[in-house]
Amino acid sequence: PYLSRAIRCGRHRRGQMGTVSFSRLQRLVSAYLDEEAALAQRQAVSMMRHVWTNYEQRAFGKDELRPVSGIGANNWGGIGQTLVD
């Protein structure tokens, strides 16, 4: 829902839209994509930390963490499949 910080409203008067040069547009798009990539990376790291922390606390050494009960289970031979995966 938030607009990128890279794209700002240009100066324009009522009824007039400013034109954007192609090179400026390329820079804006590049900055926007870089910002979106950084956001996606932060979200992915946050999700992995959340998953790993819960696995570590509730089922470390087990094959899997059951999502509803929150307990570990050995359904793959007890080799710590989540650790291997």
C-alpha atoms as a PDB file:
ATOM      1  CA  PRO A   1       0.000   0.000   0.000  1.00  0.00           C
ATOM      2  CA  TYR A   2       2.905   2.383   0.464  1.00  0.00           C
ATOM      3  CA  LEU A   3       4.357   4.083  -2.567  1.00  0.00           C
ATOM      4  CA  SER A   4       8.040   3.809  -3.089  1.00  0.00           C
ATOM      5  CA  ARG A   5      10.220   6.544  -1.680  1.00  0.00           C
ATOM      6  CA  ALA A   6      11.948   6.606  -5.042  1.00  0.00           C
ATOM      7  CA  ILE A   7       8.895   8.036  -6.792  1.00  0.00           C
ATOM      8  CA  ARG A   8       7.886  11.479  -5.671  1.00  0.00           C
ATOM      9  CA  CYS A   9       5.237  13.734  -7.042  1.00  0.00           C
ATOM     10  CA  GLY A  10       6.847  16.137  -9.452  1.00  0.00           C
ATOM     11  CA  ARG A  11       6.219  19.851  -9.457  1.00  0.00           C
ATOM     12  CA  HIS A  12       3.211  20.549 -11.547  1.00  0.00           C
ATOM     13  CA  ARG A  13       0.637  23.227 -11.749  1.00  0.00           C
ATOM     14  CA  ARG A  14      -3.064  22.685 -11.836  1.00  0.00           C
ATOM     15  CA  GLY A  15      -3.995  20.877 -15.021  1.00  0.00           C
ATOM     16  CA  GLN A  16      -0.404  20.416 -16.171  1.00  0.00           C
ATOM     17  CA  MET A  17       1.552  17.242 -15.809  1.00  0.00           C
ATOM     18  CA  GLY A  18       5.306  17.429 -15.936  1.00  0.00           C
ATOM     19  CA  THR A  19       7.216  15.313 -18.403  1.00  0.00           C
ATOM     20  CA  VAL A  20       9.859  12.891 -17.272  1.00  0.00           C
ATOM     21  CA  SER A  21      12.912  12.204 -19.369  1.00  0.00           C
ATOM     22  CA  PHE A  22      13.669   8.616 -20.271  1.00  0.00           C
ATOM     23  CA  SER A  23      16.913   8.567 -18.271  1.00  0.00           C
ATOM     24  CA  ARG A  24      15.121   9.907 -15.181  1.00  0.00           C
ATOM     25  CA  LEU A  25      12.410   7.319 -15.637  1.00  0.00           C
ATOM     26  CA  GLN A  26      15.058   4.591 -15.844  1.00  0.00           C
ATOM     27  CA  ARG A  27      16.632   5.843 -12.608  1.00  0.00           C
ATOM     28  CA  LEU A  28      13.227   5.953 -10.881  1.00  0.00           C
ATOM     29  CA  VAL A  29      12.340   2.452 -11.999  1.00  0.00           C
ATOM     30  CA  SER A  30      15.760   1.146 -10.991  1.00  0.00           C
ATOM     31  CA  ALA A  31      15.498   2.776  -7.556  1.00  0.00           C
ATOM     32  CA  TYR A  32      11.983   1.398  -7.115  1.00  0.00           C
ATOM     33  CA  LEU A  33      13.032  -2.136  -8.051  1.00  0.00           C
ATOM     34  CA  ASP A  34      16.077  -1.950  -5.763  1.00  0.00           C
ATOM     35  CA  GLU A  35      13.858  -0.815  -2.911  1.00  0.00           C
ATOM     36  CA  GLU A  36      11.331  -3.581  -3.564  1.00  0.00           C
ATOM     37  CA  ALA A  37      14.117  -6.191  -3.724  1.00  0.00           C
ATOM     38  CA  ALA A  38      15.526  -4.978  -0.403  1.00  0.00           C
ATOM     39  CA  LEU A  39      12.064  -5.138   1.164  1.00  0.00           C
ATOM     40  CA  ALA A  40      11.511  -8.675  -0.144  1.00  0.00           C
ATOM     41  CA  GLN A  41      14.908  -9.712   1.206  1.00  0.00           C
ATOM     42  CA  ARG A  42      14.156  -8.296   4.666  1.00  0.00           C
ATOM     43  CA  GLN A  43      10.780 -10.066   4.714  1.00  0.00           C
ATOM     44  CA  ALA A  44      12.301 -13.395   3.647  1.00  0.00           C
ATOM     45  CA  VAL A  45      15.001 -13.167   6.325  1.00  0.00           C
ATOM     46  CA  SER A  46      12.381 -12.287   8.942  1.00  0.00           C
ATOM     47  CA  MET A  47      10.190 -15.239   7.958  1.00  0.00           C
ATOM     48  CA  MET A  48      13.116 -17.665   8.027  1.00  0.00           C
ATOM     49  CA  ARG A  49      14.185 -16.425  11.457  1.00  0.00           C
ATOM     50  CA  HIS A  50      10.625 -16.923  12.718  1.00  0.00           C
ATOM     51  CA  VAL A  51      10.437 -20.458  11.329  1.00  0.00           C
ATOM     52  CA  TRP A  52      13.890 -21.466  12.546  1.00  0.00           C
ATOM     53  CA  THR A  53      13.349 -20.054  16.040  1.00  0.00           C
ATOM     54  CA  ASN A  54      10.120 -22.002  16.466  1.00  0.00           C
ATOM     55  CA  TYR A  55      11.634 -25.196  15.070  1.00  0.00           C
ATOM     56  CA  GLU A  56      14.628 -24.786  17.364  1.00  0.00           C
ATOM     57  CA  GLN A  57      12.439 -24.234  20.451  1.00  0.00           C
ATOM     58  CA  ARG A  58       9.797 -26.879  19.782  1.00  0.00           C
ATOM     59  CA  ALA A  59      11.207 -29.639  17.589  1.00  0.00           C
ATOM     60  CA  PHE A  60      14.986 -29.421  17.322  1.00  0.00           C
ATOM     61  CA  GLY A  61      16.358 -32.739  16.108  1.00  0.00           C
ATOM     62  CA  LYS A  62      12.963 -34.000  14.979  1.00  0.00           C
ATOM     63  CA  ASP A  63      12.028 -34.506  11.341  1.00  0.00           C
ATOM     64  CA  GLU A  64       9.311 -31.879  11.243  1.00  0.00           C
ATOM     65  CA  LEU A  65       7.315 -29.396  13.278  1.00  0.00           C
ATOM     66  CA  ARG A  66       3.587 -29.963  13.159  1.00  0.00           C
ATOM     67  CA  PRO A  67       1.957 -26.595  12.456  1.00  0.00           C
ATOM     68  CA  VAL A  68      -1.280 -27.034  14.422  1.00  0.00           C
ATOM     69  CA  SER A  69      -0.044 -28.792  17.550  1.00  0.00           C
ATOM     70  CA  GLY A  70       3.403 -27.170  17.545  1.00  0.00           C
ATOM     71  CA  ILE A  71       5.197 -30.371  18.498  1.00  0.00           C
ATOM     72  CA  GLY A  72       7.960 -32.238  16.715  1.00  0.00           C
ATOM     73  CA  ALA A  73       7.427 -35.510  14.910  1.00  0.00           C
ATOM     74  CA  ASN A  74       9.742 -38.149  13.457  1.00  0.00           C
ATOM     75  CA  ASN A  75       8.010 -39.210  10.247  1.00  0.00           C
ATOM     76  CA  TRP A  76      11.110 -39.505   8.059  1.00  0.00           C
ATOM     77  CA  GLY A  77      13.198 -42.004   9.986  1.00  0.00           C
ATOM     78  CA  GLY A  78      14.252 -39.692  12.810  1.00  0.00           C
ATOM     79  CA  ILE A  79      17.236 -38.172  11.032  1.00  0.00           C
ATOM     80  CA  GLY A  80      16.309 -34.532  11.659  1.00  0.00           C
ATOM     81  CA  GLN A  81      15.019 -34.042   8.123  1.00  0.00           C
ATOM     82  CA  THR A  82      14.270 -30.338   8.681  1.00  0.00           C
ATOM     83  CA  LEU A  83      17.893 -29.782   9.659  1.00  0.00           C
ATOM     84  CA  VAL A  84      19.040 -31.550   6.503  1.00  0.00           C
ATOM     85  CA  ASP A  85      16.515 -29.762   4.325  1.00  0.00           C
END
